[in-house]
Protein backbone atom coordinates (compact mmCIF):
# COMPACT_ATOMS: atom_id res chain seq x y z
CA MET A 1 80.98 7.57 -253.73
CA SER A 2 81.75 5.32 -250.92
CA THR A 3 79.14 4.05 -248.57
CA THR A 4 79.90 3.10 -245.04
CA ALA A 5 77.97 0.33 -243.53
CA THR A 6 76.30 1.27 -240.34
CA PRO A 7 76.96 -1.25 -237.66
CA THR A 8 73.84 -3.10 -236.58
CA PRO A 9 73.31 -3.40 -232.86
CA ASP A 10 73.83 -6.79 -231.46
CA ILE A 11 70.48 -8.34 -230.62
CA ALA A 12 70.69 -10.60 -227.71
CA PRO A 13 68.91 -13.89 -228.14
CA PRO A 14 65.70 -14.16 -226.16
CA ALA A 15 66.24 -15.55 -222.75
CA THR A 16 64.94 -19.01 -222.50
CA SER A 17 63.20 -19.85 -219.31
CA ALA A 18 64.56 -22.66 -217.25
CA PRO A 19 62.75 -25.91 -217.83
CA ALA A 20 60.01 -26.40 -215.31
CA SER A 21 60.88 -28.99 -212.81
CA ALA A 22 58.61 -32.00 -212.63
CA PRO A 23 56.17 -31.92 -209.72
CA ARG A 24 57.40 -33.74 -206.72
CA ARG A 25 55.56 -36.94 -206.08
CA SER A 26 54.67 -37.56 -202.52
CA LEU A 27 55.32 -40.92 -201.01
CA LEU A 28 52.07 -40.75 -199.08
CA PRO A 29 48.86 -41.98 -200.73
CA LYS A 30 46.17 -39.47 -201.55
CA PHE A 31 43.79 -40.68 -198.88
CA LEU A 32 46.49 -39.97 -196.27
CA GLN A 33 47.26 -36.52 -197.70
CA ASN A 34 43.60 -35.49 -197.57
CA PRO A 35 41.85 -37.19 -194.66
CA TRP A 36 38.65 -35.23 -195.41
CA GLY A 37 38.38 -36.50 -198.97
CA GLU A 38 36.49 -39.49 -200.27
CA PRO A 39 37.04 -42.39 -197.87
CA ARG A 40 38.79 -45.35 -199.45
CA PHE A 41 40.40 -47.08 -196.51
CA LEU A 42 37.21 -47.48 -194.46
CA PRO A 43 35.34 -49.50 -197.15
CA VAL A 44 38.35 -51.83 -197.38
CA VAL A 45 38.30 -52.40 -193.62
CA THR A 46 34.51 -52.87 -193.66
CA TRP A 47 34.54 -55.45 -196.45
CA GLY A 48 37.52 -57.17 -194.87
CA TYR A 49 35.63 -57.53 -191.60
CA ILE A 50 32.52 -58.79 -193.41
CA LEU A 51 34.55 -61.44 -195.23
CA TRP A 52 36.35 -62.41 -192.02
CA ALA A 53 33.01 -62.88 -190.26
CA LEU A 54 31.01 -64.55 -193.04
CA VAL A 55 33.50 -66.78 -194.86
CA PRO A 56 33.75 -69.31 -191.96
CA VAL A 57 29.95 -69.44 -191.77
CA VAL A 58 29.70 -70.05 -195.52
CA ILE A 59 32.30 -72.82 -195.29
CA ALA A 60 30.42 -74.46 -192.40
CA ILE A 61 27.16 -74.34 -194.37
CA LEU A 62 28.90 -75.77 -197.43
CA PHE A 63 30.37 -78.70 -195.49
CA SER A 64 26.98 -79.47 -193.99
CA PHE A 65 26.16 -80.79 -197.47
CA ASN A 66 29.30 -82.94 -197.58
CA ALA A 67 28.61 -86.58 -198.39
CA GLY A 68 31.21 -87.86 -195.93
CA LYS A 69 32.01 -87.15 -192.32
CA SER A 70 35.15 -85.16 -193.04
CA ARG A 71 35.10 -81.49 -192.10
CA SER A 72 38.14 -80.61 -194.20
CA VAL A 73 37.94 -82.76 -197.35
CA TRP A 74 35.05 -82.34 -199.79
CA GLN A 75 33.58 -85.75 -200.66
CA GLY A 76 30.64 -84.79 -202.83
CA PHE A 77 27.30 -83.03 -202.45
CA SER A 78 24.61 -84.74 -200.39
CA ILE A 79 21.69 -83.90 -198.11
CA ARG A 80 22.54 -86.87 -195.90
CA TRP A 81 23.07 -84.83 -192.75
CA TRP A 82 19.89 -82.78 -193.28
CA TRP A 83 17.33 -85.39 -194.30
CA GLY A 84 18.80 -88.43 -196.02
CA ASP A 85 20.23 -90.34 -193.05
CA PRO A 86 17.36 -91.80 -190.95
CA ASN A 87 19.53 -91.95 -187.82
CA GLN A 88 21.99 -89.05 -187.93
CA SER A 89 20.24 -86.35 -189.97
CA ILE A 90 18.93 -83.20 -188.31
CA PHE A 91 15.28 -83.53 -189.32
CA HIS A 92 15.16 -87.11 -188.03
CA ASP A 93 16.45 -86.10 -184.59
CA PRO A 94 13.64 -84.91 -182.27
CA GLN A 95 16.04 -82.79 -180.20
CA TYR A 96 17.14 -80.75 -183.21
CA THR A 97 13.62 -80.34 -184.57
CA GLN A 98 12.27 -79.24 -181.18
CA ALA A 99 15.13 -76.75 -180.82
CA LEU A 100 14.37 -75.35 -184.30
CA VAL A 101 10.64 -75.00 -183.60
CA HIS A 102 11.34 -73.41 -180.22
CA SER A 103 13.80 -70.92 -181.77
CA LEU A 104 11.24 -69.90 -184.39
CA LEU A 105 8.62 -69.50 -181.65
CA LEU A 106 10.92 -67.24 -179.63
CA ALA A 107 11.78 -65.21 -182.73
CA GLY A 108 8.10 -64.69 -183.57
CA LEU A 109 7.15 -63.66 -180.04
CA ASP A 110 10.16 -61.39 -179.82
CA MET A 111 9.17 -59.65 -183.05
CA LEU A 112 5.54 -59.22 -181.99
CA ILE A 113 6.47 -57.72 -178.61
CA ALA A 114 9.70 -55.81 -179.26
CA THR A 115 8.57 -54.04 -182.44
CA PRO A 116 5.59 -52.05 -181.04
CA LEU A 117 7.40 -51.37 -177.76
CA GLY A 118 10.49 -50.20 -179.64
CA VAL A 119 8.46 -47.92 -181.90
CA LEU A 120 6.70 -46.28 -178.94
CA LEU A 121 9.97 -45.93 -177.03
CA ALA A 122 11.71 -44.42 -180.06
CA ILE A 123 8.95 -41.85 -180.55
CA GLY A 124 8.98 -40.99 -176.86
CA LEU A 125 12.77 -40.55 -176.74
CA ALA A 126 12.73 -38.51 -179.95
CA ARG A 127 10.12 -36.11 -178.56
CA TRP A 128 11.41 -35.97 -174.98
CA ARG A 129 13.37 -32.81 -174.28
CA GLY A 130 12.93 -32.52 -170.50
CA ARG A 131 15.10 -33.43 -167.57
CA GLY A 132 16.19 -37.04 -167.55
CA SER A 133 16.06 -37.54 -171.32
CA GLY A 134 19.83 -37.98 -171.53
CA ILE A 135 19.81 -40.63 -168.81
CA ALA A 136 16.97 -42.47 -170.54
CA ASN A 137 18.86 -42.47 -173.85
CA SER A 138 21.99 -43.79 -172.13
CA LEU A 139 20.06 -46.58 -170.42
CA MET A 140 18.50 -47.53 -173.73
CA LEU A 141 21.98 -48.07 -175.24
CA ILE A 142 23.26 -50.31 -172.43
CA PRO A 143 22.06 -53.61 -174.02
CA LEU A 144 23.99 -52.71 -177.19
CA VAL A 145 27.34 -52.54 -175.40
CA THR A 146 26.73 -55.25 -172.80
CA PRO A 147 28.10 -58.71 -173.71
CA GLU A 148 25.39 -61.29 -174.23
CA ILE A 149 26.76 -63.64 -171.59
CA VAL A 150 26.74 -60.84 -168.99
CA MET A 151 23.12 -59.99 -169.78
CA ALA A 152 22.13 -63.66 -169.68
CA VAL A 153 23.68 -64.18 -166.24
CA SER A 154 22.09 -60.96 -164.97
CA LEU A 155 18.64 -62.02 -166.14
CA LEU A 156 19.14 -65.44 -164.59
CA VAL A 157 19.95 -63.81 -161.24
CA VAL A 158 16.91 -61.54 -161.55
CA PHE A 159 14.52 -64.40 -162.33
CA THR A 160 15.87 -66.75 -159.66
CA GLN A 161 17.12 -64.57 -156.79
CA LEU A 162 15.10 -61.35 -156.90
CA ALA A 163 11.84 -62.10 -155.09
CA VAL A 164 10.03 -58.99 -156.28
CA ILE A 165 6.79 -58.94 -158.22
CA PRO A 166 6.62 -59.19 -161.25
CA PHE A 167 10.05 -60.87 -161.45
CA SER A 168 9.05 -63.63 -159.04
CA ALA A 169 6.12 -64.51 -161.31
CA ILE A 170 8.46 -65.28 -164.25
CA HIS A 171 9.69 -68.85 -164.11
CA LEU A 172 12.55 -70.30 -166.08
CA GLY A 173 11.34 -71.50 -169.43
CA THR A 174 9.69 -69.95 -172.43
CA GLY A 175 8.43 -66.91 -170.52
CA ALA A 176 11.86 -66.01 -169.17
CA GLN A 177 13.42 -66.58 -172.59
CA VAL A 178 10.90 -64.26 -174.26
CA VAL A 179 11.58 -61.54 -171.67
CA GLY A 180 15.31 -61.92 -172.20
CA GLN A 181 15.00 -61.77 -175.99
CA VAL A 182 12.79 -58.67 -175.84
CA THR A 183 15.15 -56.97 -173.38
CA PHE A 184 18.11 -57.65 -175.65
CA SER A 185 16.53 -56.72 -179.00
CA LEU A 186 14.52 -53.69 -177.86
CA SER A 187 17.50 -51.34 -178.14
CA TYR A 188 18.10 -52.35 -181.76
CA VAL A 189 14.52 -51.48 -182.67
CA VAL A 190 14.80 -48.10 -180.93
CA VAL A 191 18.06 -47.19 -182.68
CA ILE A 192 16.71 -48.07 -186.15
CA ILE A 193 13.37 -46.29 -185.66
CA ARG A 194 15.00 -43.17 -184.17
CA SER A 195 17.37 -42.86 -187.12
CA ARG A 196 14.42 -43.11 -189.52
CA LEU A 197 12.45 -40.53 -187.53
CA ALA A 198 15.40 -38.14 -187.70
CA SER A 199 15.65 -38.59 -191.47
CA ILE A 200 11.92 -38.05 -192.03
CA GLY A 201 11.62 -35.03 -189.75
CA PRO A 202 8.63 -33.74 -187.76
CA GLN A 203 6.94 -31.94 -190.69
CA TYR A 204 4.42 -34.71 -191.40
CA GLU A 205 3.34 -34.89 -187.79
CA GLU A 206 3.06 -31.09 -187.59
CA ALA A 207 1.04 -30.97 -190.83
CA ALA A 208 -1.35 -33.61 -189.48
CA ARG A 209 -1.82 -31.63 -186.26
CA ASP A 210 -2.47 -28.43 -188.26
CA LEU A 211 -5.18 -30.24 -190.21
CA GLY A 212 -6.97 -31.22 -187.01
CA ALA A 213 -5.59 -34.66 -186.28
CA THR A 214 -5.24 -35.84 -182.72
CA SER A 215 -1.93 -36.87 -181.14
CA TRP A 216 -2.51 -40.54 -181.93
CA GLY A 217 -3.74 -39.65 -185.43
CA SER A 218 -0.59 -37.66 -186.14
CA ILE A 219 1.56 -40.58 -184.96
CA GLY A 220 -0.40 -42.85 -187.31
CA ARG A 221 0.21 -40.42 -190.14
CA LEU A 222 3.89 -40.43 -189.29
CA GLY A 223 3.89 -44.22 -189.37
CA SER A 224 2.24 -44.31 -192.80
CA GLU A 225 4.79 -41.85 -194.14
CA TYR A 226 7.57 -43.96 -192.65
CA PHE A 227 6.38 -47.15 -194.35
CA GLN A 228 5.91 -45.25 -197.64
CA TRP A 229 9.43 -43.89 -197.33
CA MET A 230 10.77 -47.38 -196.63
CA SER A 231 8.95 -48.82 -199.67
CA GLN A 232 10.60 -46.19 -201.90
CA LYS A 233 14.04 -47.01 -200.49
CA MET A 234 13.70 -50.77 -201.01
């Protein structure tokens, strides 16, 4: 009895998929591909500017302790130019010491006058929603964008040429310098306080008013919350 072998169907080998191509690498960095992602370029520019501005100041301070007169070659550490030399040191020169004392006096008076005025102005601008509030905010920012030399010349013209009370009562000297310092630094106080008021919000002031506090009492409560908030941040 003969047996015939039945032919087996040819089974095709499984089709192999084509090898996946490697992902194309872009020539652009990631921070350029996604401008809305985490900023990396801006911190580099910021720190570069800080180094560019502060490194010369640090070098000048370092060479003020140089033992010799050279401003480019380090000749050893010494306090000769601060106190050691009885003829050429800063603290033995009455002009330098008077300038230092006068600068500290102006800084103290500026702080005592500009801080309360800036706080009141910041609260007023933050609460003002009527006509003219935009103009007042724009005028408050003018000292920030005005060059210092332009403001100095303008104040000099006001104090010397404008014969209008109370400008005519301000004579050149410490009084005019204090007015100029306060005028220049007031905008900085307003900007800092307004940003802190925006971050705190009006809820503390509203809660104080709901509990029966007066307008001045609610502002005092807001101030206490502000200083508490600042102490937690520091």
